[in-house]
C-alpha atoms as a PDB file:
ATOM      1  CA  MET A   1     113.535  95.911 105.449  1.00  0.00           C
ATOM      2  CA  SER A   2     112.472  97.440 108.428  1.00  0.00           C
ATOM      3  CA  SER A   3     109.750  95.272 110.131  1.00  0.00           C
ATOM      4  CA  VAL A   4     105.664  95.324 109.041  1.00  0.00           C
ATOM      5  CA  GLN A   5     103.646  97.185 111.847  1.00  0.00           C
ATOM      6  CA  SER A   6      99.859  96.673 112.213  1.00  0.00           C
ATOM      7  CA  CYS A   7      97.631  98.765 110.465  1.00  0.00           C
ATOM      8  CA  THR A   8      94.002  99.969 112.270  1.00  0.00           C
ATOM      9  CA  PRO A   9      91.448  98.683 111.689  1.00  0.00           C
ATOM     10  CA  CYS A  10      92.941  95.076 109.902  1.00  0.00           C
ATOM     11  CA  HIS A  11      91.173  93.134 107.243  1.00  0.00           C
ATOM     12  CA  ALA A  12      90.903  89.917 105.634  1.00  0.00           C
ATOM     13  CA  ALA A  13      92.847  89.411 102.600  1.00  0.00           C
ATOM     14  CA  GLN A  14      92.004  90.090  99.110  1.00  0.00           C
ATOM     15  CA  THR A  15      93.754  88.763  95.980  1.00  0.00           C
ATOM     16  CA  ASN A  16      93.270  89.326  92.495  1.00  0.00           C
ATOM     17  CA  PRO A  17      96.125  88.338  90.196  1.00  0.00           C
ATOM     18  CA  ALA A  18      95.473  90.539  87.733  1.00  0.00           C
ATOM     19  CA  GLY A  19      95.851  93.459  89.564  1.00  0.00           C
ATOM     20  CA  LEU A  20      95.789  94.950  92.970  1.00  0.00           C
ATOM     21  CA  SER A  21      95.717  92.747  96.777  1.00  0.00           C
ATOM     22  CA  THR A  22      95.528  93.514  99.768  1.00  0.00           C
ATOM     23  CA  SER A  23      96.682  91.759 103.377  1.00  0.00           C
ATOM     24  CA  ASP A  24      96.231  93.955 106.035  1.00  0.00           C
ATOM     25  CA  ASN A  25      98.595  96.884 106.055  1.00  0.00           C
ATOM     26  CA  VAL A  26     100.146  95.333 102.634  1.00  0.00           C
ATOM     27  CA  ILE A  27      99.052  96.260  99.024  1.00  0.00           C
ATOM     28  CA  LYS A  28     100.844  93.886  96.801  1.00  0.00           C
ATOM     29  CA  THR A  29     101.066  93.624  92.688  1.00  0.00           C
ATOM     30  CA  ASP A  30     102.550  91.178  91.078  1.00  0.00           C
ATOM     31  CA  ARG A  31     105.593  92.318  91.652  1.00  0.00           C
ATOM     32  CA  TYR A  32     105.760  94.940  94.331  1.00  0.00           C
ATOM     33  CA  ASP A  33     104.629  95.040  98.074  1.00  0.00           C
ATOM     34  CA  ILE A  34     103.630  98.779  99.082  1.00  0.00           C
ATOM     35  CA  HIS A  35     103.884  98.483 103.258  1.00  0.00           C
ATOM     36  CA  VAL A  36     101.788 101.254 104.713  1.00  0.00           C
ATOM     37  CA  ASN A  37     103.230 101.722 108.523  1.00  0.00           C
ATOM     38  CA  LYS A  38     102.675 104.645 110.744  1.00  0.00           C
ATOM     39  CA  GLY A  39     104.377 107.657 109.422  1.00  0.00           C
ATOM     40  CA  GLU A  40     105.896 105.799 106.370  1.00  0.00           C
ATOM     41  CA  VAL A  41     104.625 104.428 102.841  1.00  0.00           C
ATOM     42  CA  LYS A  42     107.402 101.494 101.838  1.00  0.00           C
ATOM     43  CA  ILE A  43     107.582  99.913  98.551  1.00  0.00           C
ATOM     44  CA  TYR A  44     109.670  96.920  98.424  1.00  0.00           C
ATOM     45  CA  ASP A  45     110.024  95.269  94.845  1.00  0.00           C
ATOM     46  CA  ARG A  46     110.229  91.364  95.226  1.00  0.00           C
ATOM     47  CA  GLU A  47     112.268  90.658  91.745  1.00  0.00           C
ATOM     48  CA  THR A  48     115.374  93.126  92.941  1.00  0.00           C
ATOM     49  CA  LYS A  49     114.936  93.232  97.014  1.00  0.00           C
ATOM     50  CA  THR A  50     114.679  97.091  96.935  1.00  0.00           C
ATOM     51  CA  TRP A  51     113.003  99.598  98.450  1.00  0.00           C
ATOM     52  CA  ALA A  52     112.239 103.314  98.504  1.00  0.00           C
ATOM     53  CA  LYS A  53     110.213 105.004 101.454  1.00  0.00           C
ATOM     54  CA  ALA A  54     108.857 108.377 101.730  1.00  0.00           C
ATOM     55  CA  TRP A  55     108.631 108.613 105.824  1.00  0.00           C
ATOM     56  CA  GLY A  56     108.654 111.635 108.303  1.00  0.00           C
ATOM     57  CA  ASP A  57     108.264 115.396 107.516  1.00  0.00           C
ATOM     58  CA  PRO A  58     108.563 113.246 104.821  1.00  0.00           C
ATOM     59  CA  HIS A  59     111.319 112.498 103.230  1.00  0.00           C
ATOM     60  CA  LEU A  60     112.061 109.937 100.091  1.00  0.00           C
ATOM     61  CA  HIS A  61     115.065 107.404 101.186  1.00  0.00           C
ATOM     62  CA  THR A  62     116.198 104.448  98.622  1.00  0.00           C
ATOM     63  CA  SER A  63     117.712 101.073  99.771  1.00  0.00           C
ATOM     64  CA  ASP A  64     121.048 102.613  97.309  1.00  0.00           C
ATOM     65  CA  GLY A  65     121.550 105.370  99.455  1.00  0.00           C
ATOM     66  CA  ASP A  66     119.365 108.489  97.841  1.00  0.00           C
ATOM     67  CA  LYS A  67     117.826 110.873  99.654  1.00  0.00           C
ATOM     68  CA  ALA A  68     115.305 113.746  98.721  1.00  0.00           C
ATOM     69  CA  GLN A  69     112.748 115.465 100.835  1.00  0.00           C
ATOM     70  CA  PHE A  70     108.940 116.911  99.683  1.00  0.00           C
ATOM     71  CA  HIS A  71     106.451 119.365 102.327  1.00  0.00           C
ATOM     72  CA  LYS A  72     103.812 120.672  99.794  1.00  0.00           C
ATOM     73  CA  ASP A  73     103.902 118.753  96.361  1.00  0.00           C
ATOM     74  CA  ASN A  74     102.454 115.118  96.375  1.00  0.00           C
ATOM     75  CA  VAL A  75     104.687 112.647  94.699  1.00  0.00           C
ATOM     76  CA  THR A  76     103.949 110.048  92.241  1.00  0.00           C
ATOM     77  CA  ILE A  77     105.928 107.222  91.463  1.00  0.00           C
ATOM     78  CA  ASP A  78     105.455 105.096  88.572  1.00  0.00           C
ATOM     79  CA  LEU A  79     106.773 101.775  89.037  1.00  0.00           C
ATOM     80  CA  GLN A  80     108.052  98.934  86.351  1.00  0.00           C
ATOM     81  CA  ASP A  81     104.791  96.576  86.092  1.00  0.00           C
ATOM     82  CA  GLY A  82     102.787  99.526  85.598  1.00  0.00           C
ATOM     83  CA  THR A  83     101.657 100.728  89.090  1.00  0.00           C
ATOM     84  CA  LYS A  84     100.896 104.303  89.933  1.00  0.00           C
ATOM     85  CA  VAL A  85     102.084 105.557  93.670  1.00  0.00           C
ATOM     86  CA  THR A  86     100.538 108.765  94.640  1.00  0.00           C
ATOM     87  CA  ILE A  87     101.812 110.047  98.294  1.00  0.00           C
ATOM     88  CA  VAL A  88     100.478 112.898 100.025  1.00  0.00           C
ATOM     89  CA  PRO A  89     101.722 114.790 102.520  1.00  0.00           C
ATOM     90  CA  THR A  90      99.291 116.908 105.416  1.00  0.00           C
ATOM     91  CA  GLU A  91      99.015 120.277 104.880  1.00  0.00           C
ATOM     92  CA  PRO A  92     102.368 122.568 106.434  1.00  0.00           C
ATOM     93  CA  ASN A  93     102.351 123.221 110.034  1.00  0.00           C
ATOM     94  CA  ASP A  94     103.452 127.340 111.337  1.00  0.00           C
ATOM     95  CA  LYS A  95     106.553 125.289 110.968  1.00  0.00           C
ATOM     96  CA  GLY A  96     106.826 124.892 107.655  1.00  0.00           C
ATOM     97  CA  ILE A  97     106.234 120.888 108.760  1.00  0.00           C
ATOM     98  CA  ALA A  98     104.472 117.899 106.934  1.00  0.00           C
ATOM     99  CA  LEU A  99     103.914 114.689 106.928  1.00  0.00           C
ATOM    100  CA  VAL A 100     102.915 111.651 105.291  1.00  0.00           C
ATOM    101  CA  ASP A 101      99.543 111.830 104.952  1.00  0.00           C
ATOM    102  CA  SER A 102      98.039 109.090 102.645  1.00  0.00           C
ATOM    103  CA  VAL A 103      98.790 107.051  99.351  1.00  0.00           C
ATOM    104  CA  GLN A 104      96.728 105.791  95.769  1.00  0.00           C
ATOM    105  CA  VAL A 105      97.526 102.914  94.674  1.00  0.00           C
ATOM    106  CA  MET A 106      96.407 102.539  91.032  1.00  0.00           C
ATOM    107  CA  LYS A 107      97.046  99.570  88.841  1.00  0.00           C
ATOM    108  CA  GLY A 108      94.312  99.538  85.413  1.00  0.00           C
ATOM    109  CA  ASP A 109      90.914 100.177  86.872  1.00  0.00           C
ATOM    110  CA  GLN A 110      91.883  98.903  90.271  1.00  0.00           C
ATOM    111  CA  PHE A 111      92.821 101.183  92.853  1.00  0.00           C
ATOM    112  CA  VAL A 112      93.233 101.129  96.551  1.00  0.00           C
ATOM    113  CA  GLU A 113      93.474 104.229  99.106  1.00  0.00           C
ATOM    114  CA  ALA A 114      95.184 103.787 102.735  1.00  0.00           C
ATOM    115  CA  THR A 115      94.733 107.420 105.284  1.00  0.00           C
ATOM    116  CA  GLY A 116      95.780 108.303 107.985  1.00  0.00           C
ATOM    117  CA  ILE A 117      99.343 107.277 107.632  1.00  0.00           C
ATOM    118  CA  SER A 118     100.709 109.851 110.339  1.00  0.00           C
ATOM    119  CA  THR A 119      98.702 109.041 113.083  1.00  0.00           C
ATOM    120  CA  GLY A 120      97.127 105.545 112.798  1.00  0.00           C
ATOM    121  CA  PRO A 121      97.258 103.948 108.698  1.00  0.00           C
ATOM    122  CA  GLN A 122      93.853 102.681 107.995  1.00  0.00           C
ATOM    123  CA  VAL A 123      94.339 100.922 104.270  1.00  0.00           C
ATOM    124  CA  GLY A 124      91.194 100.401 102.224  1.00  0.00           C
ATOM    125  CA  GLN A 125      89.612  97.672  99.974  1.00  0.00           C
ATOM    126  CA  VAL A 126      90.569  97.251  96.384  1.00  0.00           C
ATOM    127  CA  GLN A 127      87.840  99.211  94.228  1.00  0.00           C
ATOM    128  CA  THR A 128      87.673 100.020  90.678  1.00  0.00           C
ATOM    129  CA  GLY A 129      87.166 103.367  88.837  1.00  0.00           C
ATOM    130  CA  ALA A 130      90.857 104.096  89.086  1.00  0.00           C
ATOM    131  CA  ALA A 131      90.386 107.118  86.458  1.00  0.00           C
ATOM    132  CA  GLU A 132      87.913 108.744  88.487  1.00  0.00           C
ATOM    133  CA  ALA A 133      89.902 107.944  91.939  1.00  0.00           C
ATOM    134  CA  ASP A 134      93.124 109.411  90.015  1.00  0.00           C
ATOM    135  CA  ALA A 135      91.330 112.569  89.111  1.00  0.00           C
ATOM    136  CA  ARG A 136      91.090 113.569  92.588  1.00  0.00           C
ATOM    137  CA  VAL A 137      94.443 113.673  93.443  1.00  0.00           C
ATOM    138  CA  PRO A 138      96.816 115.793  91.596  1.00  0.00           C
ATOM    139  CA  ASP A 139     100.215 114.145  90.633  1.00  0.00           C
ATOM    140  CA  GLY A 140     102.471 116.627  92.028  1.00  0.00           C
ATOM    141  CA  THR A 141     106.016 115.888  90.810  1.00  0.00           C
ATOM    142  CA  VAL A 142     105.998 112.534  89.066  1.00  0.00           C
ATOM    143  CA  LEU A 143     109.052 109.949  89.059  1.00  0.00           C
ATOM    144  CA  ARG A 144     109.893 107.228  87.397  1.00  0.00           C
ATOM    145  CA  ALA A 145     111.417 103.847  88.985  1.00  0.00           C
ATOM    146  CA  GLY A 146     114.335 102.160  86.870  1.00  0.00           C
ATOM    147  CA  HIS A 147     114.783  98.381  86.919  1.00  0.00           C
ATOM    148  CA  GLU A 148     115.433  98.677  89.994  1.00  0.00           C
ATOM    149  CA  VAL A 149     112.825 100.506  92.760  1.00  0.00           C
ATOM    150  CA  ASP A 150     115.569 101.995  94.168  1.00  0.00           C
ATOM    151  CA  ASP A 151     116.505 103.663  91.319  1.00  0.00           C
ATOM    152  CA  LEU A 152     114.051 107.216  90.452  1.00  0.00           C
ATOM    153  CA  PHE A 153     114.546 109.549  88.127  1.00  0.00           C
ATOM    154  CA  TYR A 154     112.644 112.293  87.238  1.00  0.00           C
ATOM    155  CA  THR A 155     110.058 112.266  84.083  1.00  0.00           C
ATOM    156  CA  HIS A 156     110.508 116.100  83.437  1.00  0.00           C
ATOM    157  CA  THR A 157     112.821 117.049  80.714  1.00  0.00           C
ATOM    158  CA  GLU A 158     116.334 116.159  82.206  1.00  0.00           C
ATOM    159  CA  GLY A 159     114.946 112.475  83.320  1.00  0.00           C
ATOM    160  CA  GLY A 160     117.989 112.275  85.419  1.00  0.00           C
ATOM    161  CA  GLU A 161     118.401 110.453  88.929  1.00  0.00           C
ATOM    162  CA  VAL A 162     117.012 111.215  91.970  1.00  0.00           C
ATOM    163  CA  ARG A 163     120.338 111.818  94.358  1.00  0.00           C
ATOM    164  CA  GLY A 164     121.030 113.356  97.959  1.00  0.00           C
ATOM    165  CA  ASP A 165     123.706 115.405  96.543  1.00  0.00           C
ATOM    166  CA  ASP A 166     122.256 118.640  96.915  1.00  0.00           C
ATOM    167  CA  PRO A 167     124.384 121.365  99.778  1.00  0.00           C
ATOM    168  CA  THR A 168     121.681 123.992 100.351  1.00  0.00           C
ATOM    169  CA  GLN A 169     118.912 121.720 101.657  1.00  0.00           C
ATOM    170  CA  GLN A 170     118.900 120.121 104.838  1.00  0.00           C
ATOM    171  CA  PHE A 171     120.660 116.789 105.557  1.00  0.00           C
ATOM    172  CA  GLY A 172     121.892 117.204 101.704  1.00  0.00           C
ATOM    173  CA  GLU A 173     118.449 116.086 100.990  1.00  0.00           C
ATOM    174  CA  ILE A 174     117.167 117.445  97.090  1.00  0.00           C
ATOM    175  CA  MET A 175     114.056 119.151  97.099  1.00  0.00           C
ATOM    176  CA  LEU A 176     110.662 117.347  95.109  1.00  0.00           C
ATOM    177  CA  ASP A 177     108.450 120.275  95.338  1.00  0.00           C
ATOM    178  CA  GLY A 178     107.480 121.816  92.456  1.00  0.00           C
ATOM    179  CA  GLN A 179     109.462 119.702  89.916  1.00  0.00           C
ATOM    180  CA  GLY A 180     106.298 118.337  87.999  1.00  0.00           C
ATOM    181  CA  GLY A 181     106.605 116.381  85.892  1.00  0.00           C
ATOM    182  CA  GLU A 182     104.097 114.122  83.782  1.00  0.00           C
ATOM    183  CA  SER A 183     102.497 110.217  84.482  1.00  0.00           C
ATOM    184  CA  ALA A 184     102.979 107.544  81.907  1.00  0.00           C
ATOM    185  CA  SER A 185     101.187 104.868  83.794  1.00  0.00           C
ATOM    186  CA  LYS A 186      97.858 103.603  82.207  1.00  0.00           C
ATOM    187  CA  VAL A 187      95.449 104.701  85.053  1.00  0.00           C
ATOM    188  CA  GLY A 188      92.026 103.104  83.981  1.00  0.00           C
ATOM    189  CA  ALA A 189      92.766 100.357  81.645  1.00  0.00           C
ATOM    190  CA  PRO A 190      92.761  96.698  82.256  1.00  0.00           C
ATOM    191  CA  ALA A 191      95.173  95.528  85.180  1.00  0.00           C
ATOM    192  CA  THR A 192      98.043  93.427  83.148  1.00  0.00           C
ATOM    193  CA  GLY A 193      96.957  89.744  83.302  1.00  0.00           C
ATOM    194  CA  GLY A 194      93.312  90.683  83.229  1.00  0.00           C
ATOM    195  CA  SER A 195      93.567  92.088  79.368  1.00  0.00           C
ATOM    196  CA  GLU A 196      90.811  90.444  76.766  1.00  0.00           C
ATOM    197  CA  GLY A 197      91.692  89.294  73.297  1.00  0.00           C
ATOM    198  CA  PRO A 198      94.468  88.375  71.186  1.00  0.00           C
ATOM    199  CA  LEU A 199      96.287  92.147  71.875  1.00  0.00           C
ATOM    200  CA  GLY A 200      96.264  91.368  75.641  1.00  0.00           C
ATOM    201  CA  ASN A 201      98.746  88.069  75.132  1.00  0.00           C
ATOM    202  CA  PHE A 202     101.384  90.939  74.420  1.00  0.00           C
ATOM    203  CA  GLN A 203     101.447  92.489  77.732  1.00  0.00           C
ATOM    204  CA  PRO A 204     104.026  90.396  79.370  1.00  0.00           C
ATOM    205  CA  VAL A 205     106.897  91.392  76.170  1.00  0.00           C
ATOM    206  CA  MET A 206     105.693  95.246  77.043  1.00  0.00           C
ATOM    207  CA  ASP A 207     106.790  94.457  80.291  1.00  0.00           C
ATOM    208  CA  ALA A 208     109.570  93.018  79.421  1.00  0.00           C
ATOM    209  CA  ILE A 209     110.610  95.928  77.087  1.00  0.00           C
ATOM    210  CA  ASN A 210     109.612  98.467  79.621  1.00  0.00           C
ATOM    211  CA  GLY A 211     112.141  96.067  82.469  1.00  0.00           C
ATOM    212  CA  LEU A 212     114.923  96.072  79.640  1.00  0.00           C
ATOM    213  CA  GLN A 213     114.593 100.184  79.078  1.00  0.00           C
ATOM    214  CA  GLY A 214     114.658 100.422  82.987  1.00  0.00           C
ATOM    215  CA  GLU A 215     117.979  98.759  83.124  1.00  0.00           C
ATOM    216  CA  VAL A 216     119.053 100.836  80.369  1.00  0.00           C
ATOM    217  CA  ASP A 217     118.482 104.117  81.704  1.00  0.00           C
ATOM    218  CA  SER A 218     120.422 102.443  84.975  1.00  0.00           C
ATOM    219  CA  LEU A 219     123.359 101.401  83.233  1.00  0.00           C
ATOM    220  CA  MET A 220     123.396 104.380  81.281  1.00  0.00           C
ATOM    221  CA  GLU A 221     123.047 106.803  84.936  1.00  0.00           C
ATOM    222  CA  GLN A 222     126.244 104.027  85.806  1.00  0.00           C
ATOM    223  CA  LEU A 223     127.959 105.196  82.784  1.00  0.00           C
ATOM    224  CA  SER A 224     128.239 108.956  82.955  1.00  0.00           C
ATOM    225  CA  GLN A 225     129.326 108.776  86.983  1.00  0.00           C
ATOM    226  CA  THR A 226     132.135 105.900  86.189  1.00  0.00           C
ATOM    227  CA  LYS A 227     135.727 107.141  84.593  1.00  0.00           C
ATOM    228  CA  ASP A 228     137.433 103.487  84.619  1.00  0.00           C
ATOM    229  CA  PRO A 229     137.624 102.458  81.103  1.00  0.00           C
ATOM    230  CA  ALA A 230     137.553  98.659  82.059  1.00  0.00           C
ATOM    231  CA  LYS A 231     134.393  99.600  83.959  1.00  0.00           C
ATOM    232  CA  ARG A 232     133.051 101.770  81.304  1.00  0.00           C
ATOM    233  CA  MET A 233     133.646  98.806  78.517  1.00  0.00           C
ATOM    234  CA  GLU A 234     131.734  96.798  80.382  1.00  0.00           C
ATOM    235  CA  ILE A 235     128.894  98.987  81.241  1.00  0.00           C
ATOM    236  CA  MET A 236     128.335  99.414  77.225  1.00  0.00           C
ATOM    237  CA  LEU A 237     128.777  95.663  76.489  1.00  0.00           C
ATOM    238  CA  GLN A 238     125.227  95.193  79.128  1.00  0.00           C
ATOM    239  CA  ILE A 239     123.863  97.952  77.630  1.00  0.00           C
ATOM    240  CA  GLN A 240     124.461  96.855  74.128  1.00  0.00           C
ATOM    241  CA  GLU A 241     123.045  93.504  74.955  1.00  0.00           C
ATOM    242  CA  ALA A 242     119.965  95.156  76.939  1.00  0.00           C
ATOM    243  CA  GLN A 243     119.367  97.274  73.706  1.00  0.00           C
ATOM    244  CA  ALA A 244     119.682  94.041  71.226  1.00  0.00           C
ATOM    245  CA  GLN A 245     117.074  91.607  73.602  1.00  0.00           C
ATOM    246  CA  ILE A 246     114.606  94.959  72.709  1.00  0.00           C
ATOM    247  CA  ARG A 247     115.224  95.123  68.972  1.00  0.00           C
ATOM    248  CA  GLN A 248     114.567  91.003  69.604  1.00  0.00           C
ATOM    249  CA  LEU A 249     111.216  91.591  71.391  1.00  0.00           C
ATOM    250  CA  PHE A 250     110.048  94.378  69.582  1.00  0.00           C
ATOM    251  CA  GLU A 251     110.576  92.235  65.917  1.00  0.00           C
ATOM    252  CA  ALA A 252     109.326  89.117  68.010  1.00  0.00           C
ATOM    253  CA  MET A 253     105.734  91.237  68.691  1.00  0.00           C
ATOM    254  CA  SER A 254     105.860  93.199  65.653  1.00  0.00           C
ATOM    255  CA  ASN A 255     106.017  90.093  63.576  1.00  0.00           C
ATOM    256  CA  SER A 256     103.285  88.144  65.784  1.00  0.00           C
ATOM    257  CA  MET A 257     100.905  91.264  65.354  1.00  0.00           C
ATOM    258  CA  LYS A 258     100.991  90.453  61.602  1.00  0.00           C
ATOM    259  CA  SER A 259     100.279  87.307  61.754  1.00  0.00           C
ATOM    260  CA  LEU A 260      97.436  87.943  63.791  1.00  0.00           C
ATOM    261  CA  ASN A 261      96.198  90.665  61.106  1.00  0.00           C
ATOM    262  CA  ASP A 262      96.786  88.468  58.427  1.00  0.00           C
ATOM    263  CA  ALA A 263      94.991  85.490  60.255  1.00  0.00           C
ATOM    264  CA  ALA A 264      91.631  88.098  60.988  1.00  0.00           C
ATOM    265  CA  ARG A 265      91.752  89.177  57.460  1.00  0.00           C
ATOM    266  CA  THR A 266      91.543  85.627  56.383  1.00  0.00           C
ATOM    267  CA  ALA A 267      88.823  84.751  58.392  1.00  0.00           C
ATOM    268  CA  ALA A 268      86.461  88.006  57.397  1.00  0.00           C
ATOM    269  CA  GLY A 269      87.165  86.520  53.822  1.00  0.00           C
ATOM    270  CA  ASN A 270      85.504  83.598  54.681  1.00  0.00           C
ATOM    271  CA  LEU A 271      82.970  84.722  55.839  1.00  0.00           C
ATOM    272  CA  ARG A 272      82.088  86.754  52.473  1.00  0.00           C
END
């Protein structure tokens, strides 16, 4: 992981265990650190020790070697914990070169905006009203992070993983401009950990299901790239195990919801 540069101006840490927090040039969620340095936005996954970063004019590189580029459209990344990150490039100059200009990080009803990234990053405060902030910034090309943040998948029809293997593009980097897609992040809803009422208790279960589904997606991608029979069998067993865990979690959540519903009906009947 690259060293973290200071932003200007810096501000005291803001903490909020239910959503976003900031400390100098780092925007934190309960799982990810989004570092905002001069010319670069880097998303670090503390759980899997992987990263994805947008930098330069602009490139999108990952810790497992995937490479892409974008110059005209914004790039939005849906993270596993429900965070939505939208990276905005500058207008291309007369040579068609753009830079990383700003980033908007949203989770639940909270958001943080960082501007001036190409010249001198300024990270704002945690604010509420994410839905309104989200409406101001187009999503552009939307990617979904898998279980590891260095596995990025298109959200349009094919949904394949972003890789740097396009010989028609500079440095073989895939062009992200114009790919489109739709974000699945629930911007404007209560952040994880901040839900009220009995249904909020299921958010950790949904987070676990999303994490396992991301793992399945990553394993399926590995399976498509593997020809060795023994390795394929190992990956298929891992997929079956993850899918079984997903089914168990859904069943447990369904049973719990039924119990809550029955209890609510009983309570309502006692009030009559």
